[in-house]
Amino acid sequence: MKTEIDTLLTYRVIARIVGDPVLHRQRITVEVHDQVVTLLGRVPSPQARLTAAELARHTPGVRDICNRLRAGGRDRPDEFDELTAPYQPPSPRPANGLALTVALFFAFVTIILALSGE
């Protein structure tokens, strides 16, 4: 869930990027979660990629950045991005076997007692 500070930081980073003479026409997606900015999209050069990162990094309130921008006509992320693992949401925890067994036992006992009239 996005917090108010994350929403505010999103607008601040976008404003800084739009205000830059090189980046203002680029399609850069800005995502913020827990004050960490992620930049996504394609920019014309490695220098433009660095400029976008610096603008985001120096926005007051930003704790860290993840620069996923691609420079030039490259079809793949830079070498550093290949070293990082993609985000995987946590999988649901399996049910505790003992707790499930106890719950089923008590449900069974309750049904037996209800059917026997006690």
PDB file of N, CA and C in Angstrom:
ATOM      1  N   MET A   1       0.832  -1.173   0.000  1.00  0.00           N
ATOM      2  CA  MET A   1       0.000   0.000   0.000  1.00  0.00           C
ATOM      3  C   MET A   1       0.883   1.245   0.000  1.00  0.00           C
ATOM      4  N   LYS A   2       0.551   2.178  -0.851  1.00  0.00           N
ATOM      5  CA  LYS A   2       1.347   3.392  -0.985  1.00  0.00           C
ATOM      6  C   LYS A   2       0.985   4.378   0.125  1.00  0.00           C
ATOM      7  N   THR A   3       2.007   4.913   0.783  1.00  0.00           N
ATOM      8  CA  THR A   3       1.785   5.882   1.852  1.00  0.00           C
ATOM      9  C   THR A   3       1.741   7.290   1.268  1.00  0.00           C
ATOM     10  N   GLU A   4       1.324   8.238   2.099  1.00  0.00           N
ATOM     11  CA  GLU A   4       1.280   9.631   1.646  1.00  0.00           C
ATOM     12  C   GLU A   4       2.672  10.130   1.261  1.00  0.00           C
ATOM     13  N   ILE A   5       3.671   9.756   2.045  1.00  0.00           N
ATOM     14  CA  ILE A   5       5.034  10.213   1.743  1.00  0.00           C
ATOM     15  C   ILE A   5       5.508   9.619   0.420  1.00  0.00           C
ATOM     16  N   ASP A   6       5.139   8.355   0.138  1.00  0.00           N
ATOM     17  CA  ASP A   6       5.520   7.749  -1.141  1.00  0.00           C
ATOM     18  C   ASP A   6       4.854   8.479  -2.303  1.00  0.00           C
ATOM     19  N   THR A   7       3.585   8.837  -2.139  1.00  0.00           N
ATOM     20  CA  THR A   7       2.878   9.591  -3.185  1.00  0.00           C
ATOM     21  C   THR A   7       3.533  10.949  -3.399  1.00  0.00           C
ATOM     22  N   LEU A   8       3.843  11.635  -2.312  1.00  0.00           N
ATOM     23  CA  LEU A   8       4.505  12.938  -2.412  1.00  0.00           C
ATOM     24  C   LEU A   8       5.864  12.818  -3.090  1.00  0.00           C
ATOM     25  N   LEU A   9       6.634  11.798  -2.718  1.00  0.00           N
ATOM     26  CA  LEU A   9       7.943  11.606  -3.338  1.00  0.00           C
ATOM     27  C   LEU A   9       7.812  11.283  -4.823  1.00  0.00           C
ATOM     28  N   THR A  10       6.789  10.535  -5.195  1.00  0.00           N
ATOM     29  CA  THR A  10       6.565  10.237  -6.610  1.00  0.00           C
ATOM     30  C   THR A  10       6.397  11.535  -7.387  1.00  0.00           C
ATOM     31  N   TYR A  11       5.546  12.419  -6.883  1.00  0.00           N
ATOM     32  CA  TYR A  11       5.320  13.706  -7.565  1.00  0.00           C
ATOM     33  C   TYR A  11       6.590  14.561  -7.593  1.00  0.00           C
ATOM     34  N   ARG A  12       7.345  14.562  -6.504  1.00  0.00           N
ATOM     35  CA  ARG A  12       8.571  15.368  -6.455  1.00  0.00           C
ATOM     36  C   ARG A  12       9.605  14.873  -7.473  1.00  0.00           C
ATOM     37  N   VAL A  13       9.795  13.557  -7.543  1.00  0.00           N
ATOM     38  CA  VAL A  13      10.782  13.005  -8.481  1.00  0.00           C
ATOM     39  C   VAL A  13      10.337  13.263  -9.919  1.00  0.00           C
ATOM     40  N   ILE A  14       9.059  13.059 -10.203  1.00  0.00           N
ATOM     41  CA  ILE A  14       8.548  13.323 -11.556  1.00  0.00           C
ATOM     42  C   ILE A  14       8.760  14.788 -11.919  1.00  0.00           C
ATOM     43  N   ALA A  15       8.492  15.697 -10.989  1.00  0.00           N
ATOM     44  CA  ALA A  15       8.676  17.126 -11.259  1.00  0.00           C
ATOM     45  C   ALA A  15      10.132  17.440 -11.583  1.00  0.00           C
ATOM     46  N   ARG A  16      11.061  16.809 -10.872  1.00  0.00           N
ATOM     47  CA  ARG A  16      12.480  17.052 -11.137  1.00  0.00           C
ATOM     48  C   ARG A  16      12.878  16.517 -12.506  1.00  0.00           C
ATOM     49  N   ILE A  17      12.355  15.341 -12.872  1.00  0.00           N
ATOM     50  CA  ILE A  17      12.687  14.749 -14.175  1.00  0.00           C
ATOM     51  C   ILE A  17      12.092  15.580 -15.303  1.00  0.00           C
ATOM     52  N   VAL A  18      10.842  16.001 -15.146  1.00  0.00           N
ATOM     53  CA  VAL A  18      10.188  16.826 -16.174  1.00  0.00           C
ATOM     54  C   VAL A  18      10.891  18.176 -16.312  1.00  0.00           C
ATOM     55  N   GLY A  19      11.480  18.662 -15.240  1.00  0.00           N
ATOM     56  CA  GLY A  19      12.184  19.938 -15.279  1.00  0.00           C
ATOM     57  C   GLY A  19      13.572  19.868 -15.896  1.00  0.00           C
ATOM     58  N   ASP A  20      14.065  18.676 -16.157  1.00  0.00           N
ATOM     59  CA  ASP A  20      15.393  18.523 -16.740  1.00  0.00           C
ATOM     60  C   ASP A  20      15.310  18.641 -18.266  1.00  0.00           C
ATOM     61  N   PRO A  21      16.199  19.463 -18.884  1.00  0.00           N
ATOM     62  CA  PRO A  21      16.113  19.679 -20.331  1.00  0.00           C
ATOM     63  C   PRO A  21      16.357  18.426 -21.177  1.00  0.00           C
ATOM     64  N   VAL A  22      17.110  17.468 -20.683  1.00  0.00           N
ATOM     65  CA  VAL A  22      17.361  16.244 -21.447  1.00  0.00           C
ATOM     66  C   VAL A  22      16.262  15.208 -21.206  1.00  0.00           C
ATOM     67  N   LEU A  23      15.775  15.133 -19.990  1.00  0.00           N
ATOM     68  CA  LEU A  23      14.853  14.071 -19.611  1.00  0.00           C
ATOM     69  C   LEU A  23      13.378  14.419 -19.785  1.00  0.00           C
ATOM     70  N   HIS A  24      13.066  15.696 -20.004  1.00  0.00           N
ATOM     71  CA  HIS A  24      11.658  16.111 -19.969  1.00  0.00           C
ATOM     72  C   HIS A  24      10.787  15.445 -21.034  1.00  0.00           C
ATOM     73  N   ARG A  25      11.363  14.951 -22.108  1.00  0.00           N
ATOM     74  CA  ARG A  25      10.583  14.290 -23.161  1.00  0.00           C
ATOM     75  C   ARG A  25      10.658  12.759 -23.093  1.00  0.00           C
ATOM     76  N   GLN A  26      11.346  12.248 -22.095  1.00  0.00           N
ATOM     77  CA  GLN A  26      11.518  10.796 -21.983  1.00  0.00           C
ATOM     78  C   GLN A  26      10.345  10.174 -21.225  1.00  0.00           C
ATOM     79  N   ARG A  27      10.026   8.943 -21.567  1.00  0.00           N
ATOM     80  CA  ARG A  27       8.958   8.211 -20.870  1.00  0.00           C
ATOM     81  C   ARG A  27       9.596   7.410 -19.741  1.00  0.00           C
ATOM     82  N   ILE A  28       9.641   8.027 -18.581  1.00  0.00           N
ATOM     83  CA  ILE A  28      10.241   7.399 -17.405  1.00  0.00           C
ATOM     84  C   ILE A  28       9.132   7.149 -16.385  1.00  0.00           C
ATOM     85  N   THR A  29       9.040   5.919 -15.944  1.00  0.00           N
ATOM     86  CA  THR A  29       8.078   5.571 -14.910  1.00  0.00           C
ATOM     87  C   THR A  29       8.769   5.669 -13.563  1.00  0.00           C
ATOM     88  N   VAL A  30       8.100   6.330 -12.618  1.00  0.00           N
ATOM     89  CA  VAL A  30       8.637   6.494 -11.271  1.00  0.00           C
ATOM     90  C   VAL A  30       7.707   5.764 -10.305  1.00  0.00           C
ATOM     91  N   GLU A  31       8.259   4.815  -9.587  1.00  0.00           N
ATOM     92  CA  GLU A  31       7.516   4.093  -8.557  1.00  0.00           C
ATOM     93  C   GLU A  31       8.231   4.309  -7.229  1.00  0.00           C
ATOM     94  N   VAL A  32       7.459   4.505  -6.161  1.00  0.00           N
ATOM     95  CA  VAL A  32       8.054   4.702  -4.836  1.00  0.00           C
ATOM     96  C   VAL A  32       7.362   3.779  -3.851  1.00  0.00           C
ATOM     97  N   HIS A  33       8.166   3.061  -3.088  1.00  0.00           N
ATOM     98  CA  HIS A  33       7.647   2.194  -2.029  1.00  0.00           C
ATOM     99  C   HIS A  33       8.598   2.290  -0.843  1.00  0.00           C
ATOM    100  N   ASP A  34       8.074   2.657   0.309  1.00  0.00           N
ATOM    101  CA  ASP A  34       8.882   2.840   1.519  1.00  0.00           C
ATOM    102  C   ASP A  34      10.041   3.797   1.284  1.00  0.00           C
ATOM    103  N   GLN A  35       9.764   4.869   0.544  1.00  0.00           N
ATOM    104  CA  GLN A  35      10.726   5.933   0.245  1.00  0.00           C
ATOM    105  C   GLN A  35      11.895   5.475  -0.622  1.00  0.00           C
ATOM    106  N   VAL A  36      11.736   4.324  -1.290  1.00  0.00           N
ATOM    107  CA  VAL A  36      12.728   3.845  -2.246  1.00  0.00           C
ATOM    108  C   VAL A  36      12.153   4.047  -3.643  1.00  0.00           C
ATOM    109  N   VAL A  37      12.867   4.803  -4.466  1.00  0.00           N
ATOM    110  CA  VAL A  37      12.407   5.150  -5.808  1.00  0.00           C
ATOM    111  C   VAL A  37      12.930   4.128  -6.811  1.00  0.00           C
ATOM    112  N   THR A  38      12.036   3.645  -7.667  1.00  0.00           N
ATOM    113  CA  THR A  38      12.430   2.784  -8.780  1.00  0.00           C
ATOM    114  C   THR A  38      12.150   3.535 -10.066  1.00  0.00           C
ATOM    115  N   LEU A  39      13.164   3.648 -10.919  1.00  0.00           N
ATOM    116  CA  LEU A  39      13.039   4.306 -12.222  1.00  0.00           C
ATOM    117  C   LEU A  39      12.992   3.236 -13.299  1.00  0.00           C
ATOM    118  N   LEU A  40      11.996   3.320 -14.172  1.00  0.00           N
ATOM    119  CA  LEU A  40      11.815   2.341 -15.239  1.00  0.00           C
ATOM    120  C   LEU A  40      11.627   3.065 -16.563  1.00  0.00           C
ATOM    121  N   GLY A  41      12.077   2.452 -17.640  1.00  0.00           N
ATOM    122  CA  GLY A  41      11.890   3.029 -18.968  1.00  0.00           C
ATOM    123  C   GLY A  41      13.170   3.012 -19.767  1.00  0.00           C
ATOM    124  N   ARG A  42      13.174   3.826 -20.809  1.00  0.00           N
ATOM    125  CA  ARG A  42      14.330   3.895 -21.707  1.00  0.00           C
ATOM    126  C   ARG A  42      14.721   5.363 -21.880  1.00  0.00           C
ATOM    127  N   VAL A  43      16.008   5.623 -21.818  1.00  0.00           N
ATOM    128  CA  VAL A  43      16.547   6.967 -22.022  1.00  0.00           C
ATOM    129  C   VAL A  43      17.582   6.916 -23.145  1.00  0.00           C
ATOM    130  N   PRO A  44      17.913   8.079 -23.735  1.00  0.00           N
ATOM    131  CA  PRO A  44      18.774   8.067 -24.922  1.00  0.00           C
ATOM    132  C   PRO A  44      20.240   7.708 -24.682  1.00  0.00           C
ATOM    133  N   SER A  45      20.728   7.858 -23.445  1.00  0.00           N
ATOM    134  CA  SER A  45      22.164   7.650 -23.236  1.00  0.00           C
ATOM    135  C   SER A  45      22.449   7.227 -21.794  1.00  0.00           C
ATOM    136  N   PRO A  46      23.648   6.680 -21.578  1.00  0.00           N
ATOM    137  CA  PRO A  46      24.046   6.366 -20.205  1.00  0.00           C
ATOM    138  C   PRO A  46      24.086   7.621 -19.318  1.00  0.00           C
ATOM    139  N   GLN A  47      24.464   8.758 -19.894  1.00  0.00           N
ATOM    140  CA  GLN A  47      24.486  10.001 -19.120  1.00  0.00           C
ATOM    141  C   GLN A  47      23.086  10.401 -18.671  1.00  0.00           C
ATOM    142  N   ALA A  48      22.094  10.224 -19.538  1.00  0.00           N
ATOM    143  CA  ALA A  48      20.710  10.530 -19.170  1.00  0.00           C
ATOM    144  C   ALA A  48      20.249   9.594 -18.055  1.00  0.00           C
ATOM    145  N   ARG A  49      20.682   8.349 -18.122  1.00  0.00           N
ATOM    146  CA  ARG A  49      20.348   7.381 -17.070  1.00  0.00           C
ATOM    147  C   ARG A  49      20.917   7.826 -15.726  1.00  0.00           C
ATOM    148  N   LEU A  50      22.174   8.258 -15.729  1.00  0.00           N
ATOM    149  CA  LEU A  50      22.810   8.745 -14.502  1.00  0.00           C
ATOM    150  C   LEU A  50      22.153  10.023 -13.989  1.00  0.00           C
ATOM    151  N   THR A  51      21.795  10.912 -14.919  1.00  0.00           N
ATOM    152  CA  THR A  51      21.141  12.162 -14.523  1.00  0.00           C
ATOM    153  C   THR A  51      19.818  11.880 -13.822  1.00  0.00           C
ATOM    154  N   ALA A  52      19.013  10.972 -14.381  1.00  0.00           N
ATOM    155  CA  ALA A  52      17.736  10.625 -13.764  1.00  0.00           C
ATOM    156  C   ALA A  52      17.954  10.043 -12.365  1.00  0.00           C
ATOM    157  N   ALA A  53      18.959   9.202 -12.233  1.00  0.00           N
ATOM    158  CA  ALA A  53      19.259   8.600 -10.932  1.00  0.00           C
ATOM    159  C   ALA A  53      19.666   9.662  -9.916  1.00  0.00           C
ATOM    160  N   GLU A  54      20.498  10.597 -10.343  1.00  0.00           N
ATOM    161  CA  GLU A  54      20.945  11.654  -9.426  1.00  0.00           C
ATOM    162  C   GLU A  54      19.792  12.574  -9.031  1.00  0.00           C
ATOM    163  N   LEU A  55      18.922  12.895  -9.974  1.00  0.00           N
ATOM    164  CA  LEU A  55      17.754  13.729  -9.644  1.00  0.00           C
ATOM    165  C   LEU A  55      16.889  13.027  -8.600  1.00  0.00           C
ATOM    166  N   ALA A  56      16.665  11.746  -8.774  1.00  0.00           N
ATOM    167  CA  ALA A  56      15.856  10.990  -7.815  1.00  0.00           C
ATOM    168  C   ALA A  56      16.570  10.890  -6.466  1.00  0.00           C
ATOM    169  N   ARG A  57      17.844  10.552  -6.510  1.00  0.00           N
ATOM    170  CA  ARG A  57      18.621  10.348  -5.277  1.00  0.00           C
ATOM    171  C   ARG A  57      18.673  11.613  -4.419  1.00  0.00           C
ATOM    172  N   HIS A  58      18.728  12.776  -5.051  1.00  0.00           N
ATOM    173  CA  HIS A  58      18.852  14.027  -4.309  1.00  0.00           C
ATOM    174  C   HIS A  58      17.509  14.706  -4.057  1.00  0.00           C
ATOM    175  N   THR A  59      16.431  13.985  -4.243  1.00  0.00           N
ATOM    176  CA  THR A  59      15.111  14.510  -3.882  1.00  0.00           C
ATOM    177  C   THR A  59      14.937  14.321  -2.378  1.00  0.00           C
ATOM    178  N   PRO A  60      14.634  15.390  -1.651  1.00  0.00           N
ATOM    179  CA  PRO A  60      14.492  15.262  -0.198  1.00  0.00           C
ATOM    180  C   PRO A  60      13.443  14.212   0.174  1.00  0.00           C
ATOM    181  N   GLY A  61      13.829  13.323   1.085  1.00  0.00           N
ATOM    182  CA  GLY A  61      12.932  12.271   1.552  1.00  0.00           C
ATOM    183  C   GLY A  61      13.207  10.911   0.942  1.00  0.00           C
ATOM    184  N   VAL A  62      13.963  10.867  -0.155  1.00  0.00           N
ATOM    185  CA  VAL A  62      14.266   9.588  -0.807  1.00  0.00           C
ATOM    186  C   VAL A  62      15.372   8.885  -0.021  1.00  0.00           C
ATOM    187  N   ARG A  63      15.108   7.634   0.357  1.00  0.00           N
ATOM    188  CA  ARG A  63      16.105   6.854   1.105  1.00  0.00           C
ATOM    189  C   ARG A  63      17.069   6.133   0.186  1.00  0.00           C
ATOM    190  N   ASP A  64      16.563   5.639  -0.963  1.00  0.00           N
ATOM    191  CA  ASP A  64      17.406   4.877  -1.875  1.00  0.00           C
ATOM    192  C   ASP A  64      16.729   4.864  -3.239  1.00  0.00           C
ATOM    193  N   ILE A  65      17.476   4.425  -4.262  1.00  0.00           N
ATOM    194  CA  ILE A  65      16.885   4.298  -5.586  1.00  0.00           C
ATOM    195  C   ILE A  65      17.257   2.953  -6.193  1.00  0.00           C
ATOM    196  N   CYS A  66      16.429   2.520  -7.132  1.00  0.00           N
ATOM    197  CA  CYS A  66      16.717   1.351  -7.948  1.00  0.00           C
ATOM    198  C   CYS A  66      16.574   1.816  -9.394  1.00  0.00           C
ATOM    199  N   ASN A  67      17.689   1.962 -10.071  1.00  0.00           N
ATOM    200  CA  ASN A  67      17.682   2.508 -11.422  1.00  0.00           C
ATOM    201  C   ASN A  67      17.549   1.375 -12.438  1.00  0.00           C
ATOM    202  N   ARG A  68      16.331   1.178 -12.938  1.00  0.00           N
ATOM    203  CA  ARG A  68      16.064   0.133 -13.931  1.00  0.00           C
ATOM    204  C   ARG A  68      15.918   0.737 -15.330  1.00  0.00           C
ATOM    205  N   LEU A  69      16.385   1.964 -15.495  1.00  0.00           N
ATOM    206  CA  LEU A  69      16.335   2.601 -16.813  1.00  0.00           C
ATOM    207  C   LEU A  69      17.304   1.910 -17.764  1.00  0.00           C
ATOM    208  N   ARG A  70      16.912   1.842 -19.019  1.00  0.00           N
ATOM    209  CA  ARG A  70      17.782   1.286 -20.063  1.00  0.00           C
ATOM    210  C   ARG A  70      18.263   2.431 -20.929  1.00  0.00           C
ATOM    211  N   ALA A  71      19.550   2.423 -21.208  1.00  0.00           N
ATOM    212  CA  ALA A  71      20.152   3.509 -21.977  1.00  0.00           C
ATOM    213  C   ALA A  71      20.280   3.122 -23.440  1.00  0.00           C
ATOM    214  N   GLY A  72      19.927   4.048 -24.314  1.00  0.00           N
ATOM    215  CA  GLY A  72      20.081   3.835 -25.753  1.00  0.00           C
ATOM    216  C   GLY A  72      19.181   2.744 -26.278  1.00  0.00           C
ATOM    217  N   GLY A  73      19.657   2.015 -27.265  1.00  0.00           N
ATOM    218  CA  GLY A  73      18.861   0.975 -27.897  1.00  0.00           C
ATOM    219  C   GLY A  73      19.052  -0.395 -27.295  1.00  0.00           C
ATOM    220  N   ARG A  74      19.611  -0.465 -26.110  1.00  0.00           N
ATOM    221  CA  ARG A  74      19.869  -1.768 -25.500  1.00  0.00           C
ATOM    222  C   ARG A  74      18.559  -2.462 -25.169  1.00  0.00           C
ATOM    223  N   ASP A  75      18.523  -3.756 -25.430  1.00  0.00           N
ATOM    224  CA  ASP A  75      17.314  -4.533 -25.169  1.00  0.00           C
ATOM    225  C   ASP A  75      17.330  -5.221 -23.813  1.00  0.00           C
ATOM    226  N   ARG A  76      18.399  -5.055 -23.087  1.00  0.00           N
ATOM    227  CA  ARG A  76      18.453  -5.707 -21.788  1.00  0.00           C
ATOM    228  C   ARG A  76      18.962  -4.710 -20.748  1.00  0.00           C
ATOM    229  N   PRO A  77      18.683  -4.953 -19.461  1.00  0.00           N
ATOM    230  CA  PRO A  77      19.176  -4.050 -18.417  1.00  0.00           C
ATOM    231  C   PRO A  77      20.704  -4.071 -18.365  1.00  0.00           C
ATOM    232  N   ASP A  78      21.262  -3.118 -17.650  1.00  0.00           N
ATOM    233  CA  ASP A  78      22.715  -3.106 -17.544  1.00  0.00           C
ATOM    234  C   ASP A  78      23.201  -4.299 -16.714  1.00  0.00           C
ATOM    235  N   GLU A  79      24.507  -4.502 -16.678  1.00  0.00           N
ATOM    236  CA  GLU A  79      25.110  -5.673 -16.062  1.00  0.00           C
ATOM    237  C   GLU A  79      24.752  -5.794 -14.584  1.00  0.00           C
ATOM    238  N   PHE A  80      24.663  -4.686 -13.870  1.00  0.00           N
ATOM    239  CA  PHE A  80      24.329  -4.746 -12.446  1.00  0.00           C
ATOM    240  C   PHE A  80      22.933  -5.328 -12.250  1.00  0.00           C
ATOM    241  N   ASP A  81      21.986  -4.928 -13.085  1.00  0.00           N
ATOM    242  CA  ASP A  81      20.625  -5.428 -12.954  1.00  0.00           C
ATOM    243  C   ASP A  81      20.564  -6.935 -13.136  1.00  0.00           C
ATOM    244  N   GLU A  82      21.460  -7.491 -13.934  1.00  0.00           N
ATOM    245  CA  GLU A  82      21.467  -8.932 -14.132  1.00  0.00           C
ATOM    246  C   GLU A  82      21.968  -9.666 -12.890  1.00  0.00           C
ATOM    247  N   LEU A  83      22.683  -8.969 -12.009  1.00  0.00           N
ATOM    248  CA  LEU A  83      23.196  -9.589 -10.796  1.00  0.00           C
ATOM    249  C   LEU A  83      22.170  -9.600  -9.669  1.00  0.00           C
ATOM    250  N   THR A  84      21.147  -8.785  -9.771  1.00  0.00           N
ATOM    251  CA  THR A  84      20.154  -8.699  -8.708  1.00  0.00           C
ATOM    252  C   THR A  84      18.990  -9.621  -9.002  1.00  0.00           C
ATOM    253  N   ALA A  85      18.442 -10.186  -7.969  1.00  0.00           N
ATOM    254  CA  ALA A  85      17.301 -11.092  -8.134  1.00  0.00           C
ATOM    255  C   ALA A  85      16.032 -10.271  -8.300  1.00  0.00           C
ATOM    256  N   PRO A  86      15.134 -10.692  -9.170  1.00  0.00           N
ATOM    257  CA  PRO A  86      13.865  -9.982  -9.300  1.00  0.00           C
ATOM    258  C   PRO A  86      13.034 -10.157  -8.035  1.00  0.00           C
ATOM    259  N   TYR A  87      12.210  -9.182  -7.755  1.00  0.00           N
ATOM    260  CA  TYR A  87      11.363  -9.228  -6.565  1.00  0.00           C
ATOM    261  C   TYR A  87      10.327 -10.330  -6.706  1.00  0.00           C
ATOM    262  N   GLN A  88      10.229 -11.156  -5.702  1.00  0.00           N
ATOM    263  CA  GLN A  88       9.211 -12.202  -5.648  1.00  0.00           C
ATOM    264  C   GLN A  88       8.378 -11.952  -4.402  1.00  0.00           C
ATOM    265  N   PRO A  89       7.079 -11.749  -4.552  1.00  0.00           N
ATOM    266  CA  PRO A  89       6.265 -11.556  -3.348  1.00  0.00           C
ATOM    267  C   PRO A  89       6.302 -12.809  -2.495  1.00  0.00           C
ATOM    268  N   PRO A  90       6.218 -12.638  -1.187  1.00  0.00           N
ATOM    269  CA  PRO A  90       6.282 -13.811  -0.319  1.00  0.00           C
ATOM    270  C   PRO A  90       5.105 -14.743  -0.591  1.00  0.00           C
ATOM    271  N   SER A  91       5.396 -16.033  -0.583  1.00  0.00           N
ATOM    272  CA  SER A  91       4.327 -17.002  -0.811  1.00  0.00           C
ATOM    273  C   SER A  91       3.584 -17.225   0.501  1.00  0.00           C
ATOM    274  N   PRO A  92       2.327 -17.588   0.392  1.00  0.00           N
ATOM    275  CA  PRO A  92       1.571 -17.834   1.626  1.00  0.00           C
ATOM    276  C   PRO A  92       2.197 -18.975   2.408  1.00  0.00           C
ATOM    277  N   ARG A  93       2.205 -18.823   3.712  1.00  0.00           N
ATOM    278  CA  ARG A  93       2.797 -19.858   4.555  1.00  0.00           C
ATOM    279  C   ARG A  93       1.899 -21.075   4.572  1.00  0.00           C
ATOM    280  N   PRO A  94       2.483 -22.266   4.518  1.00  0.00           N
ATOM    281  CA  PRO A  94       1.654 -23.468   4.594  1.00  0.00           C
ATOM    282  C   PRO A  94       0.998 -23.567   5.968  1.00  0.00           C
ATOM    283  N   ALA A  95      -0.154 -24.167   6.001  1.00  0.00           N
ATOM    284  CA  ALA A  95      -0.865 -24.322   7.267  1.00  0.00           C
ATOM    285  C   ALA A  95      -0.056 -25.195   8.213  1.00  0.00           C
ATOM    286  N   ASN A  96      -0.087 -24.840   9.478  1.00  0.00           N
ATOM    287  CA  ASN A  96       0.584 -25.621  10.504  1.00  0.00           C
ATOM    288  C   ASN A  96      -0.175 -26.931  10.648  1.00  0.00           C
ATOM    289  N   GLY A  97       0.486 -28.056  10.419  1.00  0.00           N
ATOM    290  CA  GLY A  97      -0.153 -29.368  10.452  1.00  0.00           C
ATOM    291  C   GLY A  97      -0.804 -29.684  11.786  1.00  0.00           C
ATOM    292  N   LEU A  98      -0.117 -29.382  12.885  1.00  0.00           N
ATOM    293  CA  LEU A  98      -0.662 -29.675  14.205  1.00  0.00           C
ATOM    294  C   LEU A  98      -1.898 -28.829  14.479  1.00  0.00           C
ATOM    295  N   ALA A  99      -1.839 -27.538  14.169  1.00  0.00           N
ATOM    296  CA  ALA A  99      -2.980 -26.661  14.409  1.00  0.00           C
ATOM    297  C   ALA A  99      -4.183 -27.110  13.591  1.00  0.00           C
ATOM    298  N   LEU A 100      -3.951 -27.532  12.359  1.00  0.00           N
ATOM    299  CA  LEU A 100      -5.037 -28.001  11.512  1.00  0.00           C
ATOM    300  C   LEU A 100      -5.641 -29.288  12.063  1.00  0.00           C
ATOM    301  N   THR A 101      -4.801 -30.189  12.550  1.00  0.00           N
ATOM    302  CA  THR A 101      -5.276 -31.444  13.130  1.00  0.00           C
ATOM    303  C   THR A 101      -6.115 -31.178  14.370  1.00  0.00           C
ATOM    304  N   VAL A 102      -5.654 -30.292  15.246  1.00  0.00           N
ATOM    305  CA  VAL A 102      -6.392 -29.958  16.470  1.00  0.00           C
ATOM    306  C   VAL A 102      -7.726 -29.309  16.119  1.00  0.00           C
ATOM    307  N   ALA A 103      -7.743 -28.403  15.156  1.00  0.00           N
ATOM    308  CA  ALA A 103      -8.987 -27.740  14.754  1.00  0.00           C
ATOM    309  C   ALA A 103      -9.982 -28.746  14.201  1.00  0.00           C
ATOM    310  N   LEU A 104      -9.518 -29.676  13.370  1.00  0.00           N
ATOM    311  CA  LEU A 104     -10.409 -30.698  12.822  1.00  0.00           C
ATOM    312  C   LEU A 104     -10.929 -31.627  13.921  1.00  0.00           C
ATOM    313  N   PHE A 105     -10.082 -31.980  14.891  1.00  0.00           N
ATOM    314  CA  PHE A 105     -10.499 -32.832  16.003  1.00  0.00           C
ATOM    315  C   PHE A 105     -11.636 -32.172  16.778  1.00  0.00           C
ATOM    316  N   PHE A 106     -11.459 -30.878  17.136  1.00  0.00           N
ATOM    317  CA  PHE A 106     -12.489 -30.186  17.901  1.00  0.00           C
ATOM    318  C   PHE A 106     -13.768 -30.008  17.082  1.00  0.00           C
ATOM    319  N   ALA A 107     -13.650 -29.794  15.794  1.00  0.00           N
ATOM    320  CA  ALA A 107     -14.840 -29.699  14.948  1.00  0.00           C
ATOM    321  C   ALA A 107     -15.569 -31.037  14.930  1.00  0.00           C
ATOM    322  N   PHE A 108     -14.836 -32.127  14.834  1.00  0.00           N
ATOM    323  CA  PHE A 108     -15.424 -33.462  14.821  1.00  0.00           C
ATOM    324  C   PHE A 108     -16.122 -33.752  16.148  1.00  0.00           C
ATOM    325  N   VAL A 109     -15.450 -33.436  17.270  1.00  0.00           N
ATOM    326  CA  VAL A 109     -16.033 -33.655  18.600  1.00  0.00           C
ATOM    327  C   VAL A 109     -17.299 -32.820  18.758  1.00  0.00           C
ATOM    328  N   THR A 110     -17.287 -31.591  18.297  1.00  0.00           N
ATOM    329  CA  THR A 110     -18.463 -30.716  18.394  1.00  0.00           C
ATOM    330  C   THR A 110     -19.630 -31.304  17.611  1.00  0.00           C
ATOM    331  N   ILE A 111     -19.382 -31.816  16.435  1.00  0.00           N
ATOM    332  CA  ILE A 111     -20.439 -32.413  15.614  1.00  0.00           C
ATOM    333  C   ILE A 111     -20.993 -33.663  16.300  1.00  0.00           C
ATOM    334  N   ILE A 112     -20.129 -34.521  16.837  1.00  0.00           N
ATOM    335  CA  ILE A 112     -20.559 -35.739  17.528  1.00  0.00           C
ATOM    336  C   ILE A 112     -21.426 -35.379  18.732  1.00  0.00           C
ATOM    337  N   LEU A 113     -20.966 -34.388  19.524  1.00  0.00           N
ATOM    338  CA  LEU A 113     -21.736 -33.982  20.706  1.00  0.00           C
ATOM    339  C   LEU A 113     -23.100 -33.401  20.299  1.00  0.00           C
ATOM    340  N   ALA A 114     -23.109 -32.620  19.212  1.00  0.00           N
ATOM    341  CA  ALA A 114     -24.369 -32.032  18.757  1.00  0.00           C
ATOM    342  C   ALA A 114     -25.335 -33.110  18.280  1.00  0.00           C
ATOM    343  N   LEU A 115     -24.842 -34.139  17.601  1.00  0.00           N
ATOM    344  CA  LEU A 115     -25.689 -35.207  17.093  1.00  0.00           C
ATOM    345  C   LEU A 115     -26.179 -36.137  18.212  1.00  0.00           C
ATOM    346  N   SER A 116     -25.369 -36.271  19.261  1.00  0.00           N
ATOM    347  CA  SER A 116     -25.768 -37.151  20.358  1.00  0.00           C
ATOM    348  C   SER A 116     -26.658 -36.444  21.379  1.00  0.00           C
ATOM    349  N   GLY A 117     -26.817 -35.130  21.235  1.00  0.00           N
ATOM    350  CA  GLY A 117     -27.700 -34.367  22.113  1.00  0.00           C
ATOM    351  C   GLY A 117     -27.070 -33.931  23.411  1.00  0.00           C
ATOM    352  N   GLU A 118     -25.807 -33.993  23.543  1.00  0.00           N
ATOM    353  CA  GLU A 118     -25.154 -33.557  24.790  1.00  0.00           C
ATOM    354  C   GLU A 118     -24.590 -32.175  24.671  1.00  0.00           C
TER     355      GLU A 118
END
